[in-house]
């Protein structure tokens, strides 16, 4: 009957377009991913060519896009790109939707989701939830994939004949071209990404915290008999009564903090 035909029709349409029927709420979701393309950077000191990774974030409703070049996809660079994105948007969405990158998600299966410790710390600092794309569910990350395609077409393709000598130089050029992407008129709707962002997404974003997040290197260490632990090339002391115990060490650029059973015991 007619109802069966409609059901078949919509199933067929969803196969052709997995992002169909996806609805987005203002300020709710930010999708993040990396481009499969890299940008070569010539190191003048060594003469070697290094490949910059291209981080892309897209807000669900407006499609407002941010791009950031980093030396790698390691967790410290992944987190730095998030901080830069929040500063760019001047606010924080309620939900982060990463692909299943090791920098964000250690495992995502029927047993549950295990987050990277650093990414979990970032979510607590900025008070957002993490909702990774489901494995083999392309509709969950369609917004990010479309954003990456747009960036590859309108930014990376334009830069392919340029020679860059630093990440700062590359990010400066990306920033200029990104303005054009976000102000390019929609084909099927009135306005553009920036206008939709200003009117819809931006008012619904959460405020930035007073202090930006600092990447924290977290590792388990054992307190030696001389009541010191080693991190890098340096030794740091802890209460002698904990000799032999395993401590959790948190290291930022300017602070070393030691925890025992989730309680801070000292800092340097």
C-alpha atoms as a PDB file:
ATOM      1  CA  UNK A   1       0.000   0.000   0.000  1.00  0.00           C
ATOM      2  CA  UNK A   2       0.894   3.682   0.095  1.00  0.00           C
ATOM      3  CA  UNK A   3       2.424   3.465   3.595  1.00  0.00           C
ATOM      4  CA  UNK A   4       4.685   0.580   2.555  1.00  0.00           C
ATOM      5  CA  UNK A   5       5.794   2.532  -0.505  1.00  0.00           C
ATOM      6  CA  UNK A   6       6.653   5.555   1.661  1.00  0.00           C
ATOM      7  CA  UNK A   7       8.640   3.375   4.076  1.00  0.00           C
ATOM      8  CA  UNK A   8      10.583   1.833   1.179  1.00  0.00           C
ATOM      9  CA  UNK A   9      11.132   5.281  -0.360  1.00  0.00           C
ATOM     10  CA  UNK A  10      12.631   6.784   2.785  1.00  0.00           C
ATOM     11  CA  UNK A  11      14.817   3.729   3.382  1.00  0.00           C
ATOM     12  CA  UNK A  12      16.131   4.096  -0.185  1.00  0.00           C
ATOM     13  CA  UNK A  13      16.701   7.824   0.264  1.00  0.00           C
ATOM     14  CA  UNK A  14      18.646   7.233   3.473  1.00  0.00           C
ATOM     15  CA  UNK A  15      20.922   4.781   1.662  1.00  0.00           C
ATOM     16  CA  UNK A  16      21.643   7.420  -0.953  1.00  0.00           C
ATOM     17  CA  UNK A  17      22.037  10.167   1.610  1.00  0.00           C
ATOM     18  CA  UNK A  18      22.881   8.841   5.130  1.00  0.00           C
ATOM     19  CA  UNK A  19      22.763  12.374   6.598  1.00  0.00           C
ATOM     20  CA  UNK A  20      19.082  12.698   5.644  1.00  0.00           C
ATOM     21  CA  UNK A  21      16.708  13.374   8.551  1.00  0.00           C
ATOM     22  CA  UNK A  22      19.564  14.488  10.788  1.00  0.00           C
ATOM     23  CA  UNK A  23      18.365  17.380  12.926  1.00  0.00           C
ATOM     24  CA  UNK A  24      20.571  19.830  14.790  1.00  0.00           C
ATOM     25  CA  UNK A  25      19.923  22.092  17.752  1.00  0.00           C
ATOM     26  CA  UNK A  26      21.536  25.504  18.175  1.00  0.00           C
ATOM     27  CA  UNK A  27      24.774  25.337  20.148  1.00  0.00           C
ATOM     28  CA  UNK A  28      24.459  21.617  20.751  1.00  0.00           C
ATOM     29  CA  UNK A  29      27.025  19.691  18.688  1.00  0.00           C
ATOM     30  CA  UNK A  30      30.514  20.263  17.333  1.00  0.00           C
ATOM     31  CA  UNK A  31      31.868  17.649  14.919  1.00  0.00           C
ATOM     32  CA  UNK A  32      35.649  17.185  14.682  1.00  0.00           C
ATOM     33  CA  UNK A  33      37.893  15.281  12.306  1.00  0.00           C
ATOM     34  CA  UNK A  34      41.152  15.480  10.361  1.00  0.00           C
ATOM     35  CA  UNK A  35      41.531  15.907   6.635  1.00  0.00           C
ATOM     36  CA  UNK A  36      43.105  12.998   4.802  1.00  0.00           C
ATOM     37  CA  UNK A  37      45.307  15.572   3.071  1.00  0.00           C
ATOM     38  CA  UNK A  38      48.403  17.082   4.665  1.00  0.00           C
ATOM     39  CA  UNK A  39      50.341  20.263   3.884  1.00  0.00           C
ATOM     40  CA  UNK A  40      54.145  20.093   3.458  1.00  0.00           C
ATOM     41  CA  UNK A  41      56.244  22.473   5.543  1.00  0.00           C
ATOM     42  CA  UNK A  42      59.898  22.967   4.716  1.00  0.00           C
ATOM     43  CA  UNK A  43      62.144  23.030   7.777  1.00  0.00           C
ATOM     44  CA  UNK A  44      64.894  25.508   6.924  1.00  0.00           C
ATOM     45  CA  UNK A  45      67.134  24.237   9.737  1.00  0.00           C
ATOM     46  CA  UNK A  46      67.182  20.605   8.626  1.00  0.00           C
ATOM     47  CA  UNK A  47      66.021  20.839   5.020  1.00  0.00           C
ATOM     48  CA  UNK A  48      63.414  18.173   5.752  1.00  0.00           C
ATOM     49  CA  UNK A  49      59.798  18.405   4.646  1.00  0.00           C
ATOM     50  CA  UNK A  50      57.319  17.882   7.476  1.00  0.00           C
ATOM     51  CA  UNK A  51      53.613  17.119   6.945  1.00  0.00           C
ATOM     52  CA  UNK A  52      51.166  19.368   8.810  1.00  0.00           C
ATOM     53  CA  UNK A  53      47.907  17.716   9.877  1.00  0.00           C
ATOM     54  CA  UNK A  54      44.664  19.612   9.238  1.00  0.00           C
ATOM     55  CA  UNK A  55      42.084  19.629  12.054  1.00  0.00           C
ATOM     56  CA  UNK A  56      38.524  20.594  11.100  1.00  0.00           C
ATOM     57  CA  UNK A  57      35.583  21.377  13.383  1.00  0.00           C
ATOM     58  CA  UNK A  58      32.018  22.091  12.263  1.00  0.00           C
ATOM     59  CA  UNK A  59      29.034  23.291  14.302  1.00  0.00           C
ATOM     60  CA  UNK A  60      25.964  21.162  13.669  1.00  0.00           C
ATOM     61  CA  UNK A  61      23.287  23.768  12.948  1.00  0.00           C
ATOM     62  CA  UNK A  62      25.127  26.612  11.196  1.00  0.00           C
ATOM     63  CA  UNK A  63      27.955  24.586   9.686  1.00  0.00           C
ATOM     64  CA  UNK A  64      30.328  27.311  10.905  1.00  0.00           C
ATOM     65  CA  UNK A  65      33.785  25.859  10.368  1.00  0.00           C
ATOM     66  CA  UNK A  66      37.195  26.153  12.025  1.00  0.00           C
ATOM     67  CA  UNK A  67      40.493  24.839  10.661  1.00  0.00           C
ATOM     68  CA  UNK A  68      43.814  24.433  12.470  1.00  0.00           C
ATOM     69  CA  UNK A  69      47.141  23.047  11.245  1.00  0.00           C
ATOM     70  CA  UNK A  70      49.254  21.075  13.744  1.00  0.00           C
ATOM     71  CA  UNK A  71      52.466  19.032  13.565  1.00  0.00           C
ATOM     72  CA  UNK A  72      50.687  15.762  14.373  1.00  0.00           C
ATOM     73  CA  UNK A  73      47.429  14.108  15.393  1.00  0.00           C
ATOM     74  CA  UNK A  74      48.809  13.235  18.829  1.00  0.00           C
ATOM     75  CA  UNK A  75      46.601  13.937  21.805  1.00  0.00           C
ATOM     76  CA  UNK A  76      48.416  17.142  22.802  1.00  0.00           C
ATOM     77  CA  UNK A  77      47.895  18.641  19.335  1.00  0.00           C
ATOM     78  CA  UNK A  78      44.328  17.334  19.155  1.00  0.00           C
ATOM     79  CA  UNK A  79      43.485  19.049  22.437  1.00  0.00           C
ATOM     80  CA  UNK A  80      45.256  22.272  21.463  1.00  0.00           C
ATOM     81  CA  UNK A  81      43.096  22.408  18.322  1.00  0.00           C
ATOM     82  CA  UNK A  82      39.959  22.095  20.466  1.00  0.00           C
ATOM     83  CA  UNK A  83      41.069  24.997  22.662  1.00  0.00           C
ATOM     84  CA  UNK A  84      41.745  27.102  19.556  1.00  0.00           C
ATOM     85  CA  UNK A  85      38.317  26.141  18.166  1.00  0.00           C
ATOM     86  CA  UNK A  86      36.520  27.200  21.368  1.00  0.00           C
ATOM     87  CA  UNK A  87      38.344  30.532  21.264  1.00  0.00           C
ATOM     88  CA  UNK A  88      37.354  30.941  17.603  1.00  0.00           C
ATOM     89  CA  UNK A  89      33.689  30.266  18.383  1.00  0.00           C
ATOM     90  CA  UNK A  90      33.914  32.324  21.593  1.00  0.00           C
ATOM     91  CA  UNK A  91      31.993  29.614  23.380  1.00  0.00           C
ATOM     92  CA  UNK A  92      31.617  25.889  23.933  1.00  0.00           C
ATOM     93  CA  UNK A  93      29.018  23.504  22.428  1.00  0.00           C
ATOM     94  CA  UNK A  94      27.260  21.063  24.717  1.00  0.00           C
ATOM     95  CA  UNK A  95      28.344  17.891  22.876  1.00  0.00           C
ATOM     96  CA  UNK A  96      31.573  16.950  21.093  1.00  0.00           C
ATOM     97  CA  UNK A  97      31.327  14.393  18.271  1.00  0.00           C
ATOM     98  CA  UNK A  98      34.790  13.068  17.354  1.00  0.00           C
ATOM     99  CA  UNK A  99      35.504  10.208  15.019  1.00  0.00           C
ATOM    100  CA  UNK A 100      37.080   7.249  16.805  1.00  0.00           C
ATOM    101  CA  UNK A 101      40.591   8.736  16.888  1.00  0.00           C
ATOM    102  CA  UNK A 102      42.969   7.335  19.509  1.00  0.00           C
ATOM    103  CA  UNK A 103      43.545  10.913  20.692  1.00  0.00           C
ATOM    104  CA  UNK A 104      39.918  10.947  21.848  1.00  0.00           C
ATOM    105  CA  UNK A 105      38.603   7.393  22.142  1.00  0.00           C
ATOM    106  CA  UNK A 106      40.648   4.399  23.278  1.00  0.00           C
ATOM    107  CA  UNK A 107      37.881   1.904  22.451  1.00  0.00           C
ATOM    108  CA  UNK A 108      34.269   2.045  21.282  1.00  0.00           C
ATOM    109  CA  UNK A 109      32.494  -1.309  21.140  1.00  0.00           C
ATOM    110  CA  UNK A 110      29.639  -3.324  22.633  1.00  0.00           C
ATOM    111  CA  UNK A 111      31.408  -3.356  26.001  1.00  0.00           C
ATOM    112  CA  UNK A 112      31.269   0.428  26.173  1.00  0.00           C
ATOM    113  CA  UNK A 113      33.293   3.528  25.405  1.00  0.00           C
ATOM    114  CA  UNK A 114      36.713   4.234  26.955  1.00  0.00           C
ATOM    115  CA  UNK A 115      37.833   7.858  26.636  1.00  0.00           C
ATOM    116  CA  UNK A 116      41.401   9.064  26.469  1.00  0.00           C
ATOM    117  CA  UNK A 117      42.223  10.487  29.934  1.00  0.00           C
ATOM    118  CA  UNK A 118      43.363  13.820  28.543  1.00  0.00           C
ATOM    119  CA  UNK A 119      40.256  14.215  26.406  1.00  0.00           C
ATOM    120  CA  UNK A 120      38.099  13.421  29.439  1.00  0.00           C
ATOM    121  CA  UNK A 121      39.971  16.124  31.392  1.00  0.00           C
ATOM    122  CA  UNK A 122      39.288  18.583  28.568  1.00  0.00           C
ATOM    123  CA  UNK A 123      35.570  17.763  28.663  1.00  0.00           C
ATOM    124  CA  UNK A 124      35.449  18.375  32.409  1.00  0.00           C
ATOM    125  CA  UNK A 125      37.279  21.699  32.099  1.00  0.00           C
ATOM    126  CA  UNK A 126      34.917  22.991  29.381  1.00  0.00           C
ATOM    127  CA  UNK A 127      31.860  21.082  30.637  1.00  0.00           C
ATOM    128  CA  UNK A 128      30.870  19.308  27.440  1.00  0.00           C
ATOM    129  CA  UNK A 129      29.709  15.743  26.791  1.00  0.00           C
ATOM    130  CA  UNK A 130      31.510  13.370  24.410  1.00  0.00           C
ATOM    131  CA  UNK A 131      29.422  11.452  21.906  1.00  0.00           C
ATOM    132  CA  UNK A 132      31.774   9.661  19.480  1.00  0.00           C
ATOM    133  CA  UNK A 133      30.524   8.616  16.066  1.00  0.00           C
ATOM    134  CA  UNK A 134      29.388   5.010  16.076  1.00  0.00           C
ATOM    135  CA  UNK A 135      31.582   2.530  14.258  1.00  0.00           C
ATOM    136  CA  UNK A 136      30.382   1.900  10.691  1.00  0.00           C
ATOM    137  CA  UNK A 137      27.641   4.551  11.054  1.00  0.00           C
ATOM    138  CA  UNK A 138      28.657   7.246   8.515  1.00  0.00           C
ATOM    139  CA  UNK A 139      25.541   9.318   9.214  1.00  0.00           C
ATOM    140  CA  UNK A 140      26.937  10.130  12.675  1.00  0.00           C
ATOM    141  CA  UNK A 141      29.892  12.004  11.188  1.00  0.00           C
ATOM    142  CA  UNK A 142      28.377  13.215   7.913  1.00  0.00           C
ATOM    143  CA  UNK A 143      28.621  16.851   9.016  1.00  0.00           C
ATOM    144  CA  UNK A 144      32.355  16.511   9.693  1.00  0.00           C
ATOM    145  CA  UNK A 145      32.998  14.680   6.433  1.00  0.00           C
ATOM    146  CA  UNK A 146      31.204  17.363   4.426  1.00  0.00           C
ATOM    147  CA  UNK A 147      33.153  20.040   6.304  1.00  0.00           C
ATOM    148  CA  UNK A 148      36.442  18.311   5.515  1.00  0.00           C
ATOM    149  CA  UNK A 149      35.505  18.059   1.821  1.00  0.00           C
ATOM    150  CA  UNK A 150      34.714  21.776   1.701  1.00  0.00           C
ATOM    151  CA  UNK A 151      38.006  22.663   3.373  1.00  0.00           C
ATOM    152  CA  UNK A 152      39.953  20.436   0.992  1.00  0.00           C
ATOM    153  CA  UNK A 153      38.263  22.078  -1.997  1.00  0.00           C
ATOM    154  CA  UNK A 154      38.264  25.724  -0.973  1.00  0.00           C
ATOM    155  CA  UNK A 155      41.392  25.984   1.205  1.00  0.00           C
ATOM    156  CA  UNK A 156      43.853  23.122   0.765  1.00  0.00           C
ATOM    157  CA  UNK A 157      43.485  23.042  -3.019  1.00  0.00           C
ATOM    158  CA  UNK A 158      44.328  26.758  -3.156  1.00  0.00           C
ATOM    159  CA  UNK A 159      47.445  26.237  -1.054  1.00  0.00           C
ATOM    160  CA  UNK A 160      48.851  23.248  -2.935  1.00  0.00           C
ATOM    161  CA  UNK A 161      51.357  25.342  -4.941  1.00  0.00           C
ATOM    162  CA  UNK A 162      52.536  27.411  -1.948  1.00  0.00           C
ATOM    163  CA  UNK A 163      55.703  26.672   0.013  1.00  0.00           C
ATOM    164  CA  UNK A 164      55.402  27.088   3.768  1.00  0.00           C
ATOM    165  CA  UNK A 165      58.248  27.348   6.247  1.00  0.00           C
ATOM    166  CA  UNK A 166      56.302  27.231   9.542  1.00  0.00           C
ATOM    167  CA  UNK A 167      52.973  26.202  11.034  1.00  0.00           C
ATOM    168  CA  UNK A 168      52.335  29.824  12.010  1.00  0.00           C
ATOM    169  CA  UNK A 169      52.649  30.891   8.370  1.00  0.00           C
ATOM    170  CA  UNK A 170      50.307  28.103   7.243  1.00  0.00           C
ATOM    171  CA  UNK A 171      47.685  28.916   9.894  1.00  0.00           C
ATOM    172  CA  UNK A 172      47.824  32.585   8.911  1.00  0.00           C
ATOM    173  CA  UNK A 173      46.957  31.690   5.306  1.00  0.00           C
ATOM    174  CA  UNK A 174      44.244  29.256   6.430  1.00  0.00           C
ATOM    175  CA  UNK A 175      42.638  31.959   8.568  1.00  0.00           C
ATOM    176  CA  UNK A 176      42.325  34.303   5.595  1.00  0.00           C
ATOM    177  CA  UNK A 177      40.788  31.640   3.337  1.00  0.00           C
ATOM    178  CA  UNK A 178      38.502  30.361   6.099  1.00  0.00           C
ATOM    179  CA  UNK A 179      36.731  33.717   6.195  1.00  0.00           C
ATOM    180  CA  UNK A 180      35.775  33.194   2.553  1.00  0.00           C
ATOM    181  CA  UNK A 181      34.444  29.698   3.284  1.00  0.00           C
ATOM    182  CA  UNK A 182      32.259  30.847   6.174  1.00  0.00           C
ATOM    183  CA  UNK A 183      30.836  33.829   4.262  1.00  0.00           C
ATOM    184  CA  UNK A 184      30.177  31.916   1.020  1.00  0.00           C
ATOM    185  CA  UNK A 185      26.386  31.951   0.375  1.00  0.00           C
ATOM    186  CA  UNK A 186      24.473  28.702   0.839  1.00  0.00           C
ATOM    187  CA  UNK A 187      23.219  27.120  -2.378  1.00  0.00           C
ATOM    188  CA  UNK A 188      19.843  25.961  -1.067  1.00  0.00           C
ATOM    189  CA  UNK A 189      19.215  28.413   1.777  1.00  0.00           C
ATOM    190  CA  UNK A 190      19.479  32.136   2.334  1.00  0.00           C
ATOM    191  CA  UNK A 191      22.501  33.527   4.173  1.00  0.00           C
ATOM    192  CA  UNK A 192      25.830  31.873   4.942  1.00  0.00           C
ATOM    193  CA  UNK A 193      27.589  29.958   7.718  1.00  0.00           C
ATOM    194  CA  UNK A 194      28.783  33.048   9.557  1.00  0.00           C
ATOM    195  CA  UNK A 195      25.339  34.681   9.547  1.00  0.00           C
ATOM    196  CA  UNK A 196      23.689  31.482  10.781  1.00  0.00           C
ATOM    197  CA  UNK A 197      26.365  31.158  13.455  1.00  0.00           C
ATOM    198  CA  UNK A 198      25.860  34.703  14.726  1.00  0.00           C
ATOM    199  CA  UNK A 199      22.073  34.347  14.783  1.00  0.00           C
ATOM    200  CA  UNK A 200      21.631  30.736  15.924  1.00  0.00           C
ATOM    201  CA  UNK A 201      24.632  28.870  17.302  1.00  0.00           C
ATOM    202  CA  UNK A 202      26.609  31.594  19.056  1.00  0.00           C
ATOM    203  CA  UNK A 203      23.842  32.743  21.467  1.00  0.00           C
ATOM    204  CA  UNK A 204      23.332  29.105  22.540  1.00  0.00           C
ATOM    205  CA  UNK A 205      26.998  28.275  23.268  1.00  0.00           C
ATOM    206  CA  UNK A 206      28.237  27.973  26.847  1.00  0.00           C
ATOM    207  CA  UNK A 207      30.642  30.609  28.124  1.00  0.00           C
ATOM    208  CA  UNK A 208      34.351  29.993  27.999  1.00  0.00           C
ATOM    209  CA  UNK A 209      35.923  29.209  31.387  1.00  0.00           C
ATOM    210  CA  UNK A 210      38.033  31.916  32.990  1.00  0.00           C
ATOM    211  CA  UNK A 211      41.256  30.048  32.225  1.00  0.00           C
ATOM    212  CA  UNK A 212      41.901  28.054  29.038  1.00  0.00           C
ATOM    213  CA  UNK A 213      42.737  24.383  29.398  1.00  0.00           C
ATOM    214  CA  UNK A 214      46.411  23.459  29.568  1.00  0.00           C
ATOM    215  CA  UNK A 215      47.371  20.113  28.122  1.00  0.00           C
ATOM    216  CA  UNK A 216      48.194  17.731  30.948  1.00  0.00           C
ATOM    217  CA  UNK A 217      50.488  14.754  30.523  1.00  0.00           C
ATOM    218  CA  UNK A 218      49.121  12.028  32.817  1.00  0.00           C
ATOM    219  CA  UNK A 219      51.069   8.920  33.797  1.00  0.00           C
ATOM    220  CA  UNK A 220      51.367   6.439  36.650  1.00  0.00           C
ATOM    221  CA  UNK A 221      54.671   6.503  38.558  1.00  0.00           C
ATOM    222  CA  UNK A 222      56.080   4.569  41.516  1.00  0.00           C
ATOM    223  CA  UNK A 223      57.551   6.459  44.470  1.00  0.00           C
ATOM    224  CA  UNK A 224      61.159   5.327  44.804  1.00  0.00           C
ATOM    225  CA  UNK A 225      62.906   4.497  48.070  1.00  0.00           C
ATOM    226  CA  UNK A 226      64.442   7.993  48.053  1.00  0.00           C
ATOM    227  CA  UNK A 227      60.799   9.292  48.014  1.00  0.00           C
ATOM    228  CA  UNK A 228      61.209  10.846  44.548  1.00  0.00           C
ATOM    229  CA  UNK A 229      59.565  10.146  41.180  1.00  0.00           C
ATOM    230  CA  UNK A 230      61.113  10.869  37.818  1.00  0.00           C
ATOM    231  CA  UNK A 231      59.453  12.745  34.984  1.00  0.00           C
ATOM    232  CA  UNK A 232      61.568  13.579  31.980  1.00  0.00           C
ATOM    233  CA  UNK A 233      65.028  14.435  33.214  1.00  0.00           C
ATOM    234  CA  UNK A 234      63.943  15.689  36.638  1.00  0.00           C
ATOM    235  CA  UNK A 235      63.075  14.220  40.054  1.00  0.00           C
ATOM    236  CA  UNK A 236      60.139  15.317  42.195  1.00  0.00           C
ATOM    237  CA  UNK A 237      59.586  14.517  45.858  1.00  0.00           C
ATOM    238  CA  UNK A 238      56.481  13.156  47.592  1.00  0.00           C
ATOM    239  CA  UNK A 239      55.681  12.248  51.238  1.00  0.00           C
ATOM    240  CA  UNK A 240      58.062   9.491  52.365  1.00  0.00           C
ATOM    241  CA  UNK A 241      55.268   7.372  53.895  1.00  0.00           C
ATOM    242  CA  UNK A 242      54.086   6.607  50.332  1.00  0.00           C
ATOM    243  CA  UNK A 243      57.345   4.923  49.277  1.00  0.00           C
ATOM    244  CA  UNK A 244      56.538   1.995  46.977  1.00  0.00           C
ATOM    245  CA  UNK A 245      53.046   3.246  46.179  1.00  0.00           C
ATOM    246  CA  UNK A 246      51.836   4.070  42.679  1.00  0.00           C
ATOM    247  CA  UNK A 247      51.033   7.739  42.207  1.00  0.00           C
ATOM    248  CA  UNK A 248      49.278   9.572  39.394  1.00  0.00           C
ATOM    249  CA  UNK A 249      51.439  12.341  37.955  1.00  0.00           C
ATOM    250  CA  UNK A 250      49.902  15.299  36.104  1.00  0.00           C
ATOM    251  CA  UNK A 251      52.351  17.517  34.203  1.00  0.00           C
ATOM    252  CA  UNK A 252      51.548  20.832  32.505  1.00  0.00           C
ATOM    253  CA  UNK A 253      54.010  23.332  31.048  1.00  0.00           C
ATOM    254  CA  UNK A 254      54.712  24.845  34.463  1.00  0.00           C
ATOM    255  CA  UNK A 255      53.358  22.498  37.134  1.00  0.00           C
ATOM    256  CA  UNK A 256      53.860  18.913  38.324  1.00  0.00           C
ATOM    257  CA  UNK A 257      51.078  17.560  40.548  1.00  0.00           C
ATOM    258  CA  UNK A 258      51.049  14.162  42.267  1.00  0.00           C
ATOM    259  CA  UNK A 259      47.893  12.304  43.346  1.00  0.00           C
ATOM    260  CA  UNK A 260      47.365   9.230  45.513  1.00  0.00           C
ATOM    261  CA  UNK A 261      43.966   7.553  45.468  1.00  0.00           C
ATOM    262  CA  UNK A 262      42.525  10.572  43.637  1.00  0.00           C
ATOM    263  CA  UNK A 263      43.752  13.014  46.300  1.00  0.00           C
ATOM    264  CA  UNK A 264      46.408  15.645  45.602  1.00  0.00           C
ATOM    265  CA  UNK A 265      49.429  15.083  47.812  1.00  0.00           C
ATOM    266  CA  UNK A 266      51.966  17.584  46.497  1.00  0.00           C
ATOM    267  CA  UNK A 267      52.837  19.868  43.583  1.00  0.00           C
ATOM    268  CA  UNK A 268      56.044  21.346  42.166  1.00  0.00           C
END
